[in-house]
Amino acid sequence: MDLDAAMRALKKAEADLPQAEARAEQRARQIKADAKARVDQARAELHQAIVDEFRGGARQVDLVRRTGYSRERVRQILRAGGVEAE
Protein backbone atom coordinates (compact mmCIF):
# COMPACT_ATOMS: atom_id res chain seq x y z
CA MET A 1 0.00 0.00 0.00
CA ASP A 2 1.37 3.40 -0.88
CA LEU A 3 1.51 6.38 1.43
CA ASP A 4 -1.53 8.13 -0.08
CA ALA A 5 -3.68 5.02 0.17
CA ALA A 6 -2.55 4.46 3.76
CA MET A 7 -3.48 8.06 4.65
CA ARG A 8 -6.93 7.68 3.03
CA ALA A 9 -7.50 4.45 4.96
CA LEU A 10 -6.55 6.13 8.24
CA LYS A 11 -8.78 9.16 7.58
CA LYS A 12 -11.72 6.91 6.72
CA ALA A 13 -11.19 4.78 9.83
CA GLU A 14 -11.01 7.91 12.00
CA ALA A 15 -14.16 9.31 10.37
CA ASP A 16 -16.04 6.03 10.95
CA LEU A 17 -15.03 5.78 14.60
CA PRO A 18 -17.77 7.99 16.15
CA GLN A 19 -20.52 6.09 14.34
CA ALA A 20 -19.03 2.75 15.37
CA GLU A 21 -18.79 3.91 18.98
CA ALA A 22 -22.40 5.10 18.92
CA ARG A 23 -23.59 1.75 17.53
CA ALA A 24 -21.55 -0.14 20.14
CA GLU A 25 -22.92 2.00 22.98
CA GLN A 26 -26.50 1.50 21.76
CA ARG A 27 -25.95 -2.25 21.53
CA ALA A 28 -24.44 -2.29 25.04
CA ARG A 29 -27.47 -0.40 26.39
CA GLN A 30 -29.77 -2.94 24.74
CA ILE A 31 -27.81 -5.90 26.13
CA LYS A 32 -27.95 -4.36 29.60
CA ALA A 33 -31.70 -3.68 29.33
CA ASP A 34 -32.34 -7.24 28.15
CA ALA A 35 -30.29 -8.68 31.01
CA LYS A 36 -32.13 -6.49 33.54
CA ALA A 37 -35.47 -7.63 32.14
CA ARG A 38 -34.41 -11.28 32.52
CA VAL A 39 -33.35 -10.65 36.12
CA ASP A 40 -36.65 -8.89 36.89
CA GLN A 41 -38.61 -11.76 35.34
CA ALA A 42 -36.63 -14.41 37.23
CA ARG A 43 -37.09 -12.47 40.48
CA ALA A 44 -40.86 -12.24 39.92
CA GLU A 45 -41.01 -15.97 39.23
CA LEU A 46 -39.01 -16.71 42.38
CA HIS A 47 -41.29 -14.52 44.47
CA GLN A 48 -44.35 -16.26 43.07
CA ALA A 49 -42.77 -19.63 43.80
CA ILE A 50 -42.15 -18.55 47.41
CA VAL A 51 -45.80 -17.54 47.78
CA ASP A 52 -46.97 -20.79 46.18
CA GLU A 53 -44.72 -22.89 48.42
CA PHE A 54 -45.96 -21.09 51.53
CA ARG A 55 -49.58 -21.54 50.48
CA GLY A 56 -48.77 -25.20 49.86
CA GLY A 57 -47.68 -25.64 53.46
CA ALA A 58 -43.98 -24.76 53.45
CA ARG A 59 -42.75 -23.13 56.62
CA GLN A 60 -41.25 -19.67 56.48
CA VAL A 61 -38.04 -20.90 58.10
CA ASP A 62 -37.64 -23.45 55.30
CA LEU A 63 -38.17 -20.76 52.66
CA VAL A 64 -35.50 -18.64 54.34
CA ARG A 65 -33.08 -21.56 54.32
CA ARG A 66 -33.79 -22.53 50.71
CA THR A 67 -33.64 -19.02 49.23
CA GLY A 68 -30.97 -17.44 51.38
CA TYR A 69 -33.28 -14.46 51.94
CA SER A 70 -33.72 -13.04 55.42
CA ARG A 71 -36.89 -13.76 57.37
CA GLU A 72 -37.97 -10.17 56.88
CA ARG A 73 -37.46 -10.35 53.12
CA VAL A 74 -39.50 -13.55 52.89
CA ARG A 75 -42.23 -11.82 54.93
CA GLN A 76 -42.16 -8.85 52.53
CA ILE A 77 -42.47 -11.15 49.53
CA LEU A 78 -45.33 -13.06 51.12
CA ARG A 79 -47.16 -9.84 52.02
CA ALA A 80 -46.71 -8.54 48.49
CA GLY A 81 -48.19 -11.83 47.29
CA GLY A 82 -51.25 -11.39 49.47
CA VAL A 83 -50.18 -13.74 52.25
CA GLU A 84 -49.58 -12.81 55.87
CA ALA A 85 -46.68 -14.82 57.27
CA GLU A 86 -46.82 -15.85 60.89
PDB file of N, CA and C in Angstrom:
ATOM      1  N   MET A   1       0.869  -1.173   0.000  1.00  0.00           N
ATOM      2  CA  MET A   1       0.000   0.000   0.000  1.00  0.00           C
ATOM      3  C   MET A   1       0.906   1.223   0.000  1.00  0.00           C
ATOM      4  N   ASP A   2       0.551   2.193  -0.829  1.00  0.00           N
ATOM      5  CA  ASP A   2       1.369   3.401  -0.881  1.00  0.00           C
ATOM      6  C   ASP A   2       0.943   4.377   0.209  1.00  0.00           C
ATOM      7  N   LEU A   3       1.717   5.395   0.371  1.00  0.00           N
ATOM      8  CA  LEU A   3       1.507   6.382   1.427  1.00  0.00           C
ATOM      9  C   LEU A   3       0.150   7.055   1.306  1.00  0.00           C
ATOM     10  N   ASP A   4      -0.237   7.452   0.096  1.00  0.00           N
ATOM     11  CA  ASP A   4      -1.529   8.133  -0.082  1.00  0.00           C
ATOM     12  C   ASP A   4      -2.693   7.213   0.278  1.00  0.00           C
ATOM     13  N   ALA A   5      -2.627   5.978  -0.140  1.00  0.00           N
ATOM     14  CA  ALA A   5      -3.685   5.016   0.173  1.00  0.00           C
ATOM     15  C   ALA A   5      -3.743   4.761   1.681  1.00  0.00           C
ATOM     16  N   ALA A   6      -2.596   4.684   2.316  1.00  0.00           N
ATOM     17  CA  ALA A   6      -2.551   4.463   3.764  1.00  0.00           C
ATOM     18  C   ALA A   6      -3.168   5.656   4.504  1.00  0.00           C
ATOM     19  N   MET A   7      -2.901   6.862   4.034  1.00  0.00           N
ATOM     20  CA  MET A   7      -3.477   8.060   4.654  1.00  0.00           C
ATOM     21  C   MET A   7      -4.994   8.088   4.467  1.00  0.00           C
ATOM     22  N   ARG A   8      -5.485   7.734   3.273  1.00  0.00           N
ATOM     23  CA  ARG A   8      -6.930   7.685   3.029  1.00  0.00           C
ATOM     24  C   ARG A   8      -7.590   6.650   3.949  1.00  0.00           C
ATOM     25  N   ALA A   9      -6.951   5.512   4.102  1.00  0.00           N
ATOM     26  CA  ALA A   9      -7.501   4.453   4.958  1.00  0.00           C
ATOM     27  C   ALA A   9      -7.580   4.924   6.412  1.00  0.00           C
ATOM     28  N   LEU A  10      -6.542   5.619   6.869  1.00  0.00           N
ATOM     29  CA  LEU A  10      -6.547   6.134   8.239  1.00  0.00           C
ATOM     30  C   LEU A  10      -7.636   7.183   8.417  1.00  0.00           C
ATOM     31  N   LYS A  11      -7.754   8.114   7.485  1.00  0.00           N
ATOM     32  CA  LYS A  11      -8.779   9.163   7.582  1.00  0.00           C
ATOM     33  C   LYS A  11     -10.178   8.559   7.593  1.00  0.00           C
ATOM     34  N   LYS A  12     -10.407   7.561   6.752  1.00  0.00           N
ATOM     35  CA  LYS A  12     -11.718   6.908   6.717  1.00  0.00           C
ATOM     36  C   LYS A  12     -12.004   6.196   8.039  1.00  0.00           C
ATOM     37  N   ALA A  13     -11.004   5.493   8.549  1.00  0.00           N
ATOM     38  CA  ALA A  13     -11.185   4.782   9.826  1.00  0.00           C
ATOM     39  C   ALA A  13     -11.471   5.774  10.950  1.00  0.00           C
ATOM     40  N   GLU A  14     -10.774   6.884  10.973  1.00  0.00           N
ATOM     41  CA  GLU A  14     -11.010   7.909  11.996  1.00  0.00           C
ATOM     42  C   GLU A  14     -12.399   8.519  11.846  1.00  0.00           C
ATOM     43  N   ALA A  15     -12.832   8.726  10.613  1.00  0.00           N
ATOM     44  CA  ALA A  15     -14.158   9.308  10.373  1.00  0.00           C
ATOM     45  C   ALA A  15     -15.269   8.336  10.775  1.00  0.00           C
ATOM     46  N   ASP A  16     -15.038   7.047  10.617  1.00  0.00           N
ATOM     47  CA  ASP A  16     -16.041   6.027  10.949  1.00  0.00           C
ATOM     48  C   ASP A  16     -16.121   5.737  12.447  1.00  0.00           C
ATOM     49  N   LEU A  17     -15.108   6.113  13.178  1.00  0.00           N
ATOM     50  CA  LEU A  17     -15.034   5.776  14.598  1.00  0.00           C
ATOM     51  C   LEU A  17     -16.217   6.278  15.431  1.00  0.00           C
ATOM     52  N   PRO A  18     -16.636   7.546  15.318  1.00  0.00           N
ATOM     53  CA  PRO A  18     -17.766   7.992  16.154  1.00  0.00           C
ATOM     54  C   PRO A  18     -19.053   7.202  15.897  1.00  0.00           C
ATOM     55  N   GLN A  19     -19.319   6.872  14.650  1.00  0.00           N
ATOM     56  CA  GLN A  19     -20.516   6.089  14.341  1.00  0.00           C
ATOM     57  C   GLN A  19     -20.405   4.681  14.917  1.00  0.00           C
ATOM     58  N   ALA A  20     -19.233   4.092  14.822  1.00  0.00           N
ATOM     59  CA  ALA A  20     -19.026   2.747  15.365  1.00  0.00           C
ATOM     60  C   ALA A  20     -19.179   2.759  16.886  1.00  0.00           C
ATOM     61  N   GLU A  21     -18.643   3.797  17.526  1.00  0.00           N
ATOM     62  CA  GLU A  21     -18.786   3.909  18.975  1.00  0.00           C
ATOM     63  C   GLU A  21     -20.255   4.074  19.369  1.00  0.00           C
ATOM     64  N   ALA A  22     -20.983   4.892  18.626  1.00  0.00           N
ATOM     65  CA  ALA A  22     -22.397   5.103  18.922  1.00  0.00           C
ATOM     66  C   ALA A  22     -23.187   3.805  18.778  1.00  0.00           C
ATOM     67  N   ARG A  23     -22.901   3.041  17.725  1.00  0.00           N
ATOM     68  CA  ARG A  23     -23.588   1.748  17.534  1.00  0.00           C
ATOM     69  C   ARG A  23     -23.240   0.785  18.666  1.00  0.00           C
ATOM     70  N   ALA A  24     -21.986   0.761  19.064  1.00  0.00           N
ATOM     71  CA  ALA A  24     -21.551  -0.136  20.139  1.00  0.00           C
ATOM     72  C   ALA A  24     -22.206   0.256  21.465  1.00  0.00           C
ATOM     73  N   GLU A  25     -22.289   1.538  21.736  1.00  0.00           N
ATOM     74  CA  GLU A  25     -22.920   1.996  22.979  1.00  0.00           C
ATOM     75  C   GLU A  25     -24.412   1.665  22.986  1.00  0.00           C
ATOM     76  N   GLN A  26     -25.080   1.836  21.856  1.00  0.00           N
ATOM     77  CA  GLN A  26     -26.502   1.498  21.764  1.00  0.00           C
ATOM     78  C   GLN A  26     -26.703   0.002  21.987  1.00  0.00           C
ATOM     79  N   ARG A  27     -25.857  -0.790  21.367  1.00  0.00           N
ATOM     80  CA  ARG A  27     -25.951  -2.246  21.532  1.00  0.00           C
ATOM     81  C   ARG A  27     -25.699  -2.633  22.991  1.00  0.00           C
ATOM     82  N   ALA A  28     -24.728  -2.005  23.626  1.00  0.00           N
ATOM     83  CA  ALA A  28     -24.443  -2.293  25.037  1.00  0.00           C
ATOM     84  C   ALA A  28     -25.636  -1.928  25.915  1.00  0.00           C
ATOM     85  N   ARG A  29     -26.277  -0.794  25.624  1.00  0.00           N
ATOM     86  CA  ARG A  29     -27.472  -0.401  26.390  1.00  0.00           C
ATOM     87  C   ARG A  29     -28.581  -1.431  26.225  1.00  0.00           C
ATOM     88  N   GLN A  30     -28.741  -1.938  24.997  1.00  0.00           N
ATOM     89  CA  GLN A  30     -29.773  -2.943  24.739  1.00  0.00           C
ATOM     90  C   GLN A  30     -29.467  -4.255  25.457  1.00  0.00           C
ATOM     91  N   ILE A  31     -28.212  -4.671  25.434  1.00  0.00           N
ATOM     92  CA  ILE A  31     -27.807  -5.899  26.128  1.00  0.00           C
ATOM     93  C   ILE A  31     -28.076  -5.752  27.618  1.00  0.00           C
ATOM     94  N   LYS A  32     -27.732  -4.598  28.176  1.00  0.00           N
ATOM     95  CA  LYS A  32     -27.955  -4.357  29.599  1.00  0.00           C
ATOM     96  C   LYS A  32     -29.450  -4.354  29.924  1.00  0.00           C
ATOM     97  N   ALA A  33     -30.254  -3.717  29.097  1.00  0.00           N
ATOM     98  CA  ALA A  33     -31.704  -3.680  29.330  1.00  0.00           C
ATOM     99  C   ALA A  33     -32.304  -5.075  29.240  1.00  0.00           C
ATOM    100  N   ASP A  34     -31.849  -5.870  28.290  1.00  0.00           N
ATOM    101  CA  ASP A  34     -32.338  -7.243  28.155  1.00  0.00           C
ATOM    102  C   ASP A  34     -31.965  -8.077  29.373  1.00  0.00           C
ATOM    103  N   ALA A  35     -30.740  -7.930  29.839  1.00  0.00           N
ATOM    104  CA  ALA A  35     -30.294  -8.680  31.015  1.00  0.00           C
ATOM    105  C   ALA A  35     -31.091  -8.264  32.248  1.00  0.00           C
ATOM    106  N   LYS A  36     -31.339  -6.970  32.405  1.00  0.00           N
ATOM    107  CA  LYS A  36     -32.125  -6.490  33.543  1.00  0.00           C
ATOM    108  C   LYS A  36     -33.549  -7.041  33.486  1.00  0.00           C
ATOM    109  N   ALA A  37     -34.123  -7.089  32.295  1.00  0.00           N
ATOM    110  CA  ALA A  37     -35.474  -7.633  32.142  1.00  0.00           C
ATOM    111  C   ALA A  37     -35.504  -9.110  32.519  1.00  0.00           C
ATOM    112  N   ARG A  38     -34.467  -9.865  32.143  1.00  0.00           N
ATOM    113  CA  ARG A  38     -34.407 -11.282  32.515  1.00  0.00           C
ATOM    114  C   ARG A  38     -34.289 -11.449  34.029  1.00  0.00           C
ATOM    115  N   VAL A  39     -33.487 -10.596  34.662  1.00  0.00           N
ATOM    116  CA  VAL A  39     -33.353 -10.649  36.124  1.00  0.00           C
ATOM    117  C   VAL A  39     -34.682 -10.318  36.784  1.00  0.00           C
ATOM    118  N   ASP A  40     -35.352  -9.281  36.315  1.00  0.00           N
ATOM    119  CA  ASP A  40     -36.645  -8.894  36.887  1.00  0.00           C
ATOM    120  C   ASP A  40     -37.665 -10.018  36.738  1.00  0.00           C
ATOM    121  N   GLN A  41     -37.681 -10.659  35.576  1.00  0.00           N
ATOM    122  CA  GLN A  41     -38.612 -11.763  35.336  1.00  0.00           C
ATOM    123  C   GLN A  41     -38.295 -12.948  36.250  1.00  0.00           C
ATOM    124  N   ALA A  42     -37.027 -13.292  36.368  1.00  0.00           N
ATOM    125  CA  ALA A  42     -36.630 -14.406  37.225  1.00  0.00           C
ATOM    126  C   ALA A  42     -36.963 -14.112  38.686  1.00  0.00           C
ATOM    127  N   ARG A  43     -36.764 -12.862  39.104  1.00  0.00           N
ATOM    128  CA  ARG A  43     -37.089 -12.473  40.483  1.00  0.00           C
ATOM    129  C   ARG A  43     -38.594 -12.595  40.723  1.00  0.00           C
ATOM    130  N   ALA A  44     -39.402 -12.144  39.784  1.00  0.00           N
ATOM    131  CA  ALA A  44     -40.858 -12.240  39.922  1.00  0.00           C
ATOM    132  C   ALA A  44     -41.294 -13.701  40.010  1.00  0.00           C
ATOM    133  N   GLU A  45     -40.675 -14.547  39.198  1.00  0.00           N
ATOM    134  CA  GLU A  45     -41.008 -15.969  39.235  1.00  0.00           C
ATOM    135  C   GLU A  45     -40.603 -16.597  40.559  1.00  0.00           C
ATOM    136  N   LEU A  46     -39.452 -16.209  41.077  1.00  0.00           N
ATOM    137  CA  LEU A  46     -39.012 -16.712  42.384  1.00  0.00           C
ATOM    138  C   LEU A  46     -39.970 -16.270  43.475  1.00  0.00           C
ATOM    139  N   HIS A  47     -40.370 -15.022  43.457  1.00  0.00           N
ATOM    140  CA  HIS A  47     -41.292 -14.515  44.472  1.00  0.00           C
ATOM    141  C   HIS A  47     -42.629 -15.251  44.409  1.00  0.00           C
ATOM    142  N   GLN A  48     -43.106 -15.509  43.188  1.00  0.00           N
ATOM    143  CA  GLN A  48     -44.354 -16.258  43.068  1.00  0.00           C
ATOM    144  C   GLN A  48     -44.177 -17.681  43.577  1.00  0.00           C
ATOM    145  N   ALA A  49     -43.034 -18.282  43.316  1.00  0.00           N
ATOM    146  CA  ALA A  49     -42.770 -19.635  43.801  1.00  0.00           C
ATOM    147  C   ALA A  49     -42.728 -19.663  45.328  1.00  0.00           C
ATOM    148  N   ILE A  50     -42.174 -18.624  45.941  1.00  0.00           N
ATOM    149  CA  ILE A  50     -42.145 -18.545  47.408  1.00  0.00           C
ATOM    150  C   ILE A  50     -43.570 -18.492  47.943  1.00  0.00           C
ATOM    151  N   VAL A  51     -44.400 -17.653  47.354  1.00  0.00           N
ATOM    152  CA  VAL A  51     -45.800 -17.543  47.784  1.00  0.00           C
ATOM    153  C   VAL A  51     -46.514 -18.881  47.601  1.00  0.00           C
ATOM    154  N   ASP A  52     -46.313 -19.512  46.458  1.00  0.00           N
ATOM    155  CA  ASP A  52     -46.965 -20.791  46.180  1.00  0.00           C
ATOM    156  C   ASP A  52     -46.521 -21.865  47.168  1.00  0.00           C
ATOM    157  N   GLU A  53     -45.232 -21.918  47.458  1.00  0.00           N
ATOM    158  CA  GLU A  53     -44.717 -22.893  48.421  1.00  0.00           C
ATOM    159  C   GLU A  53     -45.323 -22.667  49.801  1.00  0.00           C
ATOM    160  N   PHE A  54     -45.400 -21.407  50.220  1.00  0.00           N
ATOM    161  CA  PHE A  54     -45.965 -21.095  51.528  1.00  0.00           C
ATOM    162  C   PHE A  54     -47.432 -21.504  51.583  1.00  0.00           C
ATOM    163  N   ARG A  55     -48.163 -21.159  50.538  1.00  0.00           N
ATOM    164  CA  ARG A  55     -49.578 -21.544  50.483  1.00  0.00           C
ATOM    165  C   ARG A  55     -49.743 -23.062  50.455  1.00  0.00           C
ATOM    166  N   GLY A  56     -48.740 -23.743  49.926  1.00  0.00           N
ATOM    167  CA  GLY A  56     -48.774 -25.200  49.864  1.00  0.00           C
ATOM    168  C   GLY A  56     -48.340 -25.876  51.148  1.00  0.00           C
ATOM    169  N   GLY A  57     -48.010 -25.067  52.160  1.00  0.00           N
ATOM    170  CA  GLY A  57     -47.676 -25.636  53.458  1.00  0.00           C
ATOM    171  C   GLY A  57     -46.231 -25.508  53.886  1.00  0.00           C
ATOM    172  N   ALA A  58     -45.390 -24.928  53.056  1.00  0.00           N
ATOM    173  CA  ALA A  58     -43.984 -24.761  53.450  1.00  0.00           C
ATOM    174  C   ALA A  58     -43.898 -23.781  54.611  1.00  0.00           C
ATOM    175  N   ARG A  59     -42.963 -24.037  55.484  1.00  0.00           N
ATOM    176  CA  ARG A  59     -42.749 -23.129  56.618  1.00  0.00           C
ATOM    177  C   ARG A  59     -41.838 -21.980  56.186  1.00  0.00           C
ATOM    178  N   GLN A  60     -42.050 -20.845  56.810  1.00  0.00           N
ATOM    179  CA  GLN A  60     -41.250 -19.671  56.478  1.00  0.00           C
ATOM    180  C   GLN A  60     -39.766 -19.938  56.713  1.00  0.00           C
ATOM    181  N   VAL A  61     -39.446 -20.620  57.788  1.00  0.00           N
ATOM    182  CA  VAL A  61     -38.043 -20.899  58.100  1.00  0.00           C
ATOM    183  C   VAL A  61     -37.406 -21.746  56.991  1.00  0.00           C
ATOM    184  N   ASP A  62     -38.173 -22.639  56.398  1.00  0.00           N
ATOM    185  CA  ASP A  62     -37.642 -23.449  55.298  1.00  0.00           C
ATOM    186  C   ASP A  62     -37.428 -22.595  54.034  1.00  0.00           C
ATOM    187  N   LEU A  63     -38.336 -21.662  53.804  1.00  0.00           N
ATOM    188  CA  LEU A  63     -38.175 -20.755  52.661  1.00  0.00           C
ATOM    189  C   LEU A  63     -36.935 -19.884  52.833  1.00  0.00           C
ATOM    190  N   VAL A  64     -36.702 -19.441  54.046  1.00  0.00           N
ATOM    191  CA  VAL A  64     -35.505 -18.643  54.341  1.00  0.00           C
ATOM    192  C   VAL A  64     -34.259 -19.463  54.036  1.00  0.00           C
ATOM    193  N   ARG A  65     -34.239 -20.692  54.515  1.00  0.00           N
ATOM    194  CA  ARG A  65     -33.077 -21.559  54.322  1.00  0.00           C
ATOM    195  C   ARG A  65     -32.851 -21.850  52.835  1.00  0.00           C
ATOM    196  N   ARG A  66     -33.921 -22.146  52.108  1.00  0.00           N
ATOM    197  CA  ARG A  66     -33.792 -22.532  50.707  1.00  0.00           C
ATOM    198  C   ARG A  66     -33.418 -21.368  49.796  1.00  0.00           C
ATOM    199  N   THR A  67     -33.897 -20.170  50.108  1.00  0.00           N
ATOM    200  CA  THR A  67     -33.637 -19.020  49.230  1.00  0.00           C
ATOM    201  C   THR A  67     -32.406 -18.226  49.624  1.00  0.00           C
ATOM    202  N   GLY A  68     -32.066 -18.284  50.909  1.00  0.00           N
ATOM    203  CA  GLY A  68     -30.972 -17.437  51.382  1.00  0.00           C
ATOM    204  C   GLY A  68     -31.425 -16.032  51.727  1.00  0.00           C
ATOM    205  N   TYR A  69     -32.725 -15.763  51.558  1.00  0.00           N
ATOM    206  CA  TYR A  69     -33.277 -14.462  51.943  1.00  0.00           C
ATOM    207  C   TYR A  69     -33.436 -14.406  53.458  1.00  0.00           C
ATOM    208  N   SER A  70     -33.469 -13.206  53.994  1.00  0.00           N
ATOM    209  CA  SER A  70     -33.721 -13.041  55.419  1.00  0.00           C
ATOM    210  C   SER A  70     -35.195 -13.324  55.711  1.00  0.00           C
ATOM    211  N   ARG A  71     -35.502 -13.539  56.983  1.00  0.00           N
ATOM    212  CA  ARG A  71     -36.893 -13.764  57.368  1.00  0.00           C
ATOM    213  C   ARG A  71     -37.752 -12.564  56.991  1.00  0.00           C
ATOM    214  N   GLU A  72     -37.205 -11.382  57.201  1.00  0.00           N
ATOM    215  CA  GLU A  72     -37.975 -10.173  56.880  1.00  0.00           C
ATOM    216  C   GLU A  72     -38.237 -10.080  55.376  1.00  0.00           C
ATOM    217  N   ARG A  73     -37.253 -10.420  54.566  1.00  0.00           N
ATOM    218  CA  ARG A  73     -37.455 -10.347  53.118  1.00  0.00           C
ATOM    219  C   ARG A  73     -38.512 -11.355  52.670  1.00  0.00           C
ATOM    220  N   VAL A  74     -38.472 -12.554  53.230  1.00  0.00           N
ATOM    221  CA  VAL A  74     -39.498 -13.550  52.891  1.00  0.00           C
ATOM    222  C   VAL A  74     -40.865 -13.025  53.308  1.00  0.00           C
ATOM    223  N   ARG A  75     -40.954 -12.412  54.482  1.00  0.00           N
ATOM    224  CA  ARG A  75     -42.226 -11.817  54.926  1.00  0.00           C
ATOM    225  C   ARG A  75     -42.709 -10.761  53.940  1.00  0.00           C
ATOM    226  N   GLN A  76     -41.801  -9.904  53.491  1.00  0.00           N
ATOM    227  CA  GLN A  76     -42.164  -8.852  52.534  1.00  0.00           C
ATOM    228  C   GLN A  76     -42.696  -9.454  51.236  1.00  0.00           C
ATOM    229  N   ILE A  77     -42.041 -10.493  50.772  1.00  0.00           N
ATOM    230  CA  ILE A  77     -42.469 -11.150  49.532  1.00  0.00           C
ATOM    231  C   ILE A  77     -43.843 -11.779  49.722  1.00  0.00           C
ATOM    232  N   LEU A  78     -44.043 -12.434  50.850  1.00  0.00           N
ATOM    233  CA  LEU A  78     -45.327 -13.064  51.117  1.00  0.00           C
ATOM    234  C   LEU A  78     -46.436 -12.002  51.204  1.00  0.00           C
ATOM    235  N   ARG A  79     -46.163 -10.916  51.922  1.00  0.00           N
ATOM    236  CA  ARG A  79     -47.162  -9.841  52.024  1.00  0.00           C
ATOM    237  C   ARG A  79     -47.496  -9.276  50.651  1.00  0.00           C
ATOM    238  N   ALA A  80     -46.479  -9.063  49.840  1.00  0.00           N
ATOM    239  CA  ALA A  80     -46.709  -8.536  48.491  1.00  0.00           C
ATOM    240  C   ALA A  80     -47.534  -9.517  47.653  1.00  0.00           C
ATOM    241  N   GLY A  81     -47.429 -10.807  47.986  1.00  0.00           N
ATOM    242  CA  GLY A  81     -48.185 -11.833  47.285  1.00  0.00           C
ATOM    243  C   GLY A  81     -49.545 -12.087  47.887  1.00  0.00           C
ATOM    244  N   GLY A  82     -49.940 -11.267  48.866  1.00  0.00           N
ATOM    245  CA  GLY A  82     -51.253 -11.389  49.471  1.00  0.00           C
ATOM    246  C   GLY A  82     -51.340 -12.387  50.598  1.00  0.00           C
ATOM    247  N   VAL A  83     -50.202 -12.767  51.156  1.00  0.00           N
ATOM    248  CA  VAL A  83     -50.181 -13.743  52.252  1.00  0.00           C
ATOM    249  C   VAL A  83     -49.551 -13.093  53.467  1.00  0.00           C
ATOM    250  N   GLU A  84     -50.174 -13.296  54.616  1.00  0.00           N
ATOM    251  CA  GLU A  84     -49.581 -12.810  55.869  1.00  0.00           C
ATOM    252  C   GLU A  84     -48.831 -13.957  56.528  1.00  0.00           C
ATOM    253  N   ALA A  85     -47.515 -13.805  56.613  1.00  0.00           N
ATOM    254  CA  ALA A  85     -46.684 -14.825  57.270  1.00  0.00           C
ATOM    255  C   ALA A  85     -46.862 -14.704  58.774  1.00  0.00           C
ATOM    256  N   GLU A  86     -46.675 -15.814  59.421  1.00  0.00           N
ATOM    257  CA  GLU A  86     -46.818 -15.846  60.892  1.00  0.00           C
ATOM    258  C   GLU A  86     -45.532 -15.485  61.575  1.00  0.00           C
TER     259      GLU A  86
END
